Amino acid sequence: MRREPGRTCLGCREVREKRALVRLVRRASGEVVADPAGRLPGRGAYVCPDGACLERGLERKRLAHAFRKPCELSEEVRGLWQRQR
């Protein structure tokens, strides 16, 4: 039986199964968008689906570090986590 690949959450730094996390992708424009299917091209980073991990990742500049450049969250991503609060 194959094991599901593990990924580390940017906020809590906990290793979880890939499908339990939300993949974020930085586009060439610098905008960060959610990639639920995991198919968008570009550099990806993973966060837990709760908003606290995204906030923690932003506060500690882990998102910019993971993407190796400063980046802006898209309105789609901000709205996704605002609805979960």
N, C-alpha and C. Protein backbone atom coordinates (compact mmCIF):
# COMPACT_ATOMS: atom_id res chain seq x y z
N MET A 1 0.84 -1.17 0.00
CA MET A 1 0.00 0.00 0.00
C MET A 1 0.89 1.24 0.00
N ARG A 2 0.56 2.23 -0.85
CA ARG A 2 1.34 3.46 -0.92
C ARG A 2 0.96 4.40 0.20
N ARG A 3 1.98 5.09 0.72
CA ARG A 3 1.72 6.10 1.73
C ARG A 3 1.42 7.44 1.06
N GLU A 4 0.54 8.19 1.68
CA GLU A 4 0.23 9.54 1.20
C GLU A 4 1.41 10.45 1.55
N PRO A 5 1.86 11.29 0.61
CA PRO A 5 2.98 12.17 0.91
C PRO A 5 2.63 13.18 2.00
N GLY A 6 3.58 13.48 2.85
CA GLY A 6 3.39 14.44 3.92
C GLY A 6 3.86 15.82 3.50
N ARG A 7 3.20 16.85 4.01
CA ARG A 7 3.58 18.24 3.77
C ARG A 7 3.54 18.97 5.10
N THR A 8 4.33 20.02 5.23
CA THR A 8 4.39 20.80 6.46
C THR A 8 3.55 22.06 6.32
N CYS A 9 2.71 22.32 7.31
CA CYS A 9 1.90 23.53 7.33
C CYS A 9 2.80 24.72 7.65
N LEU A 10 2.60 25.83 6.93
CA LEU A 10 3.40 27.03 7.16
C LEU A 10 3.12 27.67 8.52
N GLY A 11 1.92 27.51 9.03
CA GLY A 11 1.56 28.16 10.28
C GLY A 11 1.99 27.39 11.51
N CYS A 12 1.52 26.15 11.65
CA CYS A 12 1.77 25.37 12.86
C CYS A 12 2.99 24.47 12.74
N ARG A 13 3.55 24.34 11.53
CA ARG A 13 4.73 23.52 11.26
C ARG A 13 4.50 22.03 11.51
N GLU A 14 3.24 21.62 11.51
CA GLU A 14 2.89 20.22 11.71
C GLU A 14 2.88 19.50 10.37
N VAL A 15 3.44 18.30 10.32
CA VAL A 15 3.43 17.50 9.10
C VAL A 15 2.13 16.71 9.04
N ARG A 16 1.42 16.88 7.95
CA ARG A 16 0.14 16.20 7.75
C ARG A 16 0.11 15.60 6.35
N GLU A 17 -0.90 14.79 6.10
CA GLU A 17 -1.08 14.25 4.76
C GLU A 17 -1.37 15.41 3.80
N LYS A 18 -0.89 15.26 2.60
CA LYS A 18 -1.03 16.30 1.58
C LYS A 18 -2.49 16.71 1.38
N ARG A 19 -3.39 15.75 1.35
CA ARG A 19 -4.79 16.06 1.08
C ARG A 19 -5.50 16.74 2.26
N ALA A 20 -4.89 16.75 3.45
CA ALA A 20 -5.49 17.41 4.60
C ALA A 20 -5.15 18.90 4.66
N LEU A 21 -4.27 19.35 3.77
CA LEU A 21 -3.84 20.75 3.75
C LEU A 21 -4.33 21.44 2.48
N VAL A 22 -4.32 22.75 2.50
CA VAL A 22 -4.69 23.55 1.34
C VAL A 22 -3.41 24.04 0.67
N ARG A 23 -3.30 23.81 -0.62
CA ARG A 23 -2.12 24.26 -1.36
C ARG A 23 -2.34 25.68 -1.85
N LEU A 24 -1.35 26.52 -1.61
CA LEU A 24 -1.35 27.88 -2.13
C LEU A 24 -0.26 27.97 -3.19
N VAL A 25 -0.53 28.71 -4.25
CA VAL A 25 0.42 28.84 -5.36
C VAL A 25 0.68 30.32 -5.61
N ARG A 26 1.95 30.66 -5.81
CA ARG A 26 2.31 32.03 -6.17
C ARG A 26 2.38 32.11 -7.69
N ARG A 27 1.58 32.99 -8.24
CA ARG A 27 1.59 33.19 -9.70
C ARG A 27 2.74 34.11 -10.08
N ALA A 28 3.03 34.21 -11.35
CA ALA A 28 4.12 35.06 -11.84
C ALA A 28 3.90 36.53 -11.47
N SER A 29 2.65 36.93 -11.32
CA SER A 29 2.33 38.31 -10.95
C SER A 29 2.61 38.59 -9.48
N GLY A 30 2.88 37.56 -8.69
CA GLY A 30 3.14 37.72 -7.26
C GLY A 30 1.92 37.45 -6.41
N GLU A 31 0.78 37.23 -7.04
CA GLU A 31 -0.46 36.97 -6.33
C GLU A 31 -0.51 35.51 -5.88
N VAL A 32 -0.98 35.29 -4.66
CA VAL A 32 -1.10 33.94 -4.12
C VAL A 32 -2.56 33.50 -4.23
N VAL A 33 -2.78 32.34 -4.85
CA VAL A 33 -4.13 31.81 -5.03
C VAL A 33 -4.21 30.40 -4.44
N ALA A 34 -5.42 30.00 -4.08
CA ALA A 34 -5.65 28.64 -3.58
C ALA A 34 -5.67 27.67 -4.76
N ASP A 35 -5.15 26.48 -4.53
CA ASP A 35 -5.11 25.45 -5.57
C ASP A 35 -5.66 24.15 -4.99
N PRO A 36 -6.99 24.04 -4.87
CA PRO A 36 -7.57 22.84 -4.25
C PRO A 36 -7.28 21.55 -5.01
N ALA A 37 -7.14 21.63 -6.33
CA ALA A 37 -6.89 20.42 -7.12
C ALA A 37 -5.41 20.05 -7.14
N GLY A 38 -4.54 20.98 -6.75
CA GLY A 38 -3.11 20.70 -6.73
C GLY A 38 -2.49 20.61 -8.11
N ARG A 39 -3.07 21.28 -9.08
CA ARG A 39 -2.62 21.17 -10.46
C ARG A 39 -2.04 22.46 -11.06
N LEU A 40 -2.19 23.59 -10.39
CA LEU A 40 -1.69 24.84 -10.95
C LEU A 40 -0.17 24.84 -11.01
N PRO A 41 0.39 25.43 -12.06
CA PRO A 41 1.85 25.51 -12.13
C PRO A 41 2.37 26.59 -11.18
N GLY A 42 3.58 26.46 -10.77
CA GLY A 42 4.19 27.45 -9.90
C GLY A 42 4.59 26.85 -8.57
N ARG A 43 5.25 27.65 -7.80
CA ARG A 43 5.75 27.22 -6.51
C ARG A 43 4.59 27.12 -5.53
N GLY A 44 4.50 26.03 -4.81
CA GLY A 44 3.40 25.82 -3.89
C GLY A 44 3.83 25.80 -2.44
N ALA A 45 2.90 26.10 -1.56
CA ALA A 45 3.10 26.02 -0.11
C ALA A 45 1.79 25.52 0.48
N TYR A 46 1.86 24.91 1.64
CA TYR A 46 0.68 24.28 2.23
C TYR A 46 0.36 24.87 3.59
N VAL A 47 -0.95 25.03 3.87
CA VAL A 47 -1.42 25.49 5.17
C VAL A 47 -2.62 24.66 5.58
N CYS A 48 -2.86 24.60 6.89
CA CYS A 48 -4.05 23.92 7.41
C CYS A 48 -5.28 24.71 6.97
N PRO A 49 -6.42 24.06 6.88
CA PRO A 49 -7.61 24.76 6.43
C PRO A 49 -8.15 25.80 7.42
N ASP A 50 -7.66 25.82 8.66
CA ASP A 50 -8.16 26.84 9.59
C ASP A 50 -7.40 28.15 9.40
N GLY A 51 -8.07 29.26 9.62
CA GLY A 51 -7.49 30.58 9.37
C GLY A 51 -6.34 30.94 10.28
N ALA A 52 -6.25 30.34 11.45
CA ALA A 52 -5.19 30.68 12.39
C ALA A 52 -3.81 30.34 11.82
N CYS A 53 -3.70 29.24 11.12
CA CYS A 53 -2.41 28.85 10.54
C CYS A 53 -2.00 29.81 9.43
N LEU A 54 -2.93 30.26 8.63
CA LEU A 54 -2.61 31.22 7.59
C LEU A 54 -2.14 32.53 8.21
N GLU A 55 -2.85 33.00 9.23
CA GLU A 55 -2.47 34.23 9.92
C GLU A 55 -1.07 34.11 10.53
N ARG A 56 -0.81 32.99 11.18
CA ARG A 56 0.50 32.76 11.79
C ARG A 56 1.60 32.74 10.74
N GLY A 57 1.33 32.12 9.61
CA GLY A 57 2.29 32.07 8.52
C GLY A 57 2.58 33.44 7.94
N LEU A 58 1.55 34.29 7.87
CA LEU A 58 1.74 35.65 7.38
C LEU A 58 2.50 36.51 8.38
N GLU A 59 2.15 36.40 9.66
CA GLU A 59 2.81 37.19 10.70
C GLU A 59 4.30 36.89 10.77
N ARG A 60 4.64 35.64 10.65
CA ARG A 60 6.05 35.24 10.78
C ARG A 60 6.78 35.22 9.44
N LYS A 61 6.14 35.75 8.43
CA LYS A 61 6.72 35.88 7.08
C LYS A 61 7.15 34.55 6.48
N ARG A 62 6.49 33.49 6.88
CA ARG A 62 6.81 32.17 6.35
C ARG A 62 6.29 32.00 4.92
N LEU A 63 5.21 32.69 4.60
CA LEU A 63 4.67 32.60 3.25
C LEU A 63 5.65 33.20 2.24
N ALA A 64 6.18 34.38 2.54
CA ALA A 64 7.16 35.02 1.65
C ALA A 64 8.43 34.17 1.56
N HIS A 65 8.81 33.57 2.66
CA HIS A 65 10.01 32.72 2.66
C HIS A 65 9.79 31.47 1.81
N ALA A 66 8.62 30.87 1.92
CA ALA A 66 8.32 29.66 1.14
C ALA A 66 8.29 29.95 -0.36
N PHE A 67 7.79 31.12 -0.72
CA PHE A 67 7.72 31.49 -2.13
C PHE A 67 8.98 32.20 -2.62
N ARG A 68 9.89 32.45 -1.71
CA ARG A 68 11.18 33.07 -2.01
C ARG A 68 11.07 34.49 -2.54
N LYS A 69 9.91 35.10 -2.39
CA LYS A 69 9.69 36.48 -2.82
C LYS A 69 8.51 37.05 -2.04
N PRO A 70 8.45 38.37 -1.91
CA PRO A 70 7.25 38.96 -1.31
C PRO A 70 6.03 38.63 -2.17
N CYS A 71 4.89 38.46 -1.53
CA CYS A 71 3.70 38.08 -2.28
C CYS A 71 2.46 38.68 -1.64
N GLU A 72 1.40 38.75 -2.42
CA GLU A 72 0.11 39.27 -1.98
C GLU A 72 -0.93 38.17 -2.05
N LEU A 73 -1.76 38.06 -1.01
CA LEU A 73 -2.86 37.10 -1.05
C LEU A 73 -3.95 37.62 -1.96
N SER A 74 -4.51 36.76 -2.76
CA SER A 74 -5.62 37.16 -3.63
C SER A 74 -6.87 37.34 -2.77
N GLU A 75 -7.83 38.05 -3.30
CA GLU A 75 -9.11 38.23 -2.60
C GLU A 75 -9.79 36.89 -2.38
N GLU A 76 -9.61 35.97 -3.31
CA GLU A 76 -10.19 34.63 -3.19
C GLU A 76 -9.68 33.93 -1.93
N VAL A 77 -8.37 34.00 -1.70
CA VAL A 77 -7.77 33.33 -0.54
C VAL A 77 -8.21 34.03 0.74
N ARG A 78 -8.20 35.35 0.76
CA ARG A 78 -8.64 36.09 1.95
C ARG A 78 -10.09 35.75 2.28
N GLY A 79 -10.95 35.72 1.27
CA GLY A 79 -12.36 35.41 1.46
C GLY A 79 -12.58 33.99 1.96
N LEU A 80 -11.78 33.06 1.48
CA LEU A 80 -11.89 31.67 1.89
C LEU A 80 -11.68 31.53 3.39
N TRP A 81 -10.66 32.20 3.91
CA TRP A 81 -10.37 32.08 5.34
C TRP A 81 -11.26 32.98 6.18
N GLN A 82 -11.76 34.08 5.63
CA GLN A 82 -12.69 34.93 6.37
C GLN A 82 -13.99 34.19 6.65
N ARG A 83 -14.45 33.40 5.67
CA ARG A 83 -15.69 32.64 5.84
C ARG A 83 -15.56 31.56 6.90
N GLN A 84 -14.34 31.07 7.13
CA GLN A 84 -14.15 29.97 8.08
C GLN A 84 -14.04 30.45 9.52
N ARG A 85 -13.91 31.73 9.72
CA ARG A 85 -13.81 32.26 11.10
C ARG A 85 -15.11 32.20 11.83
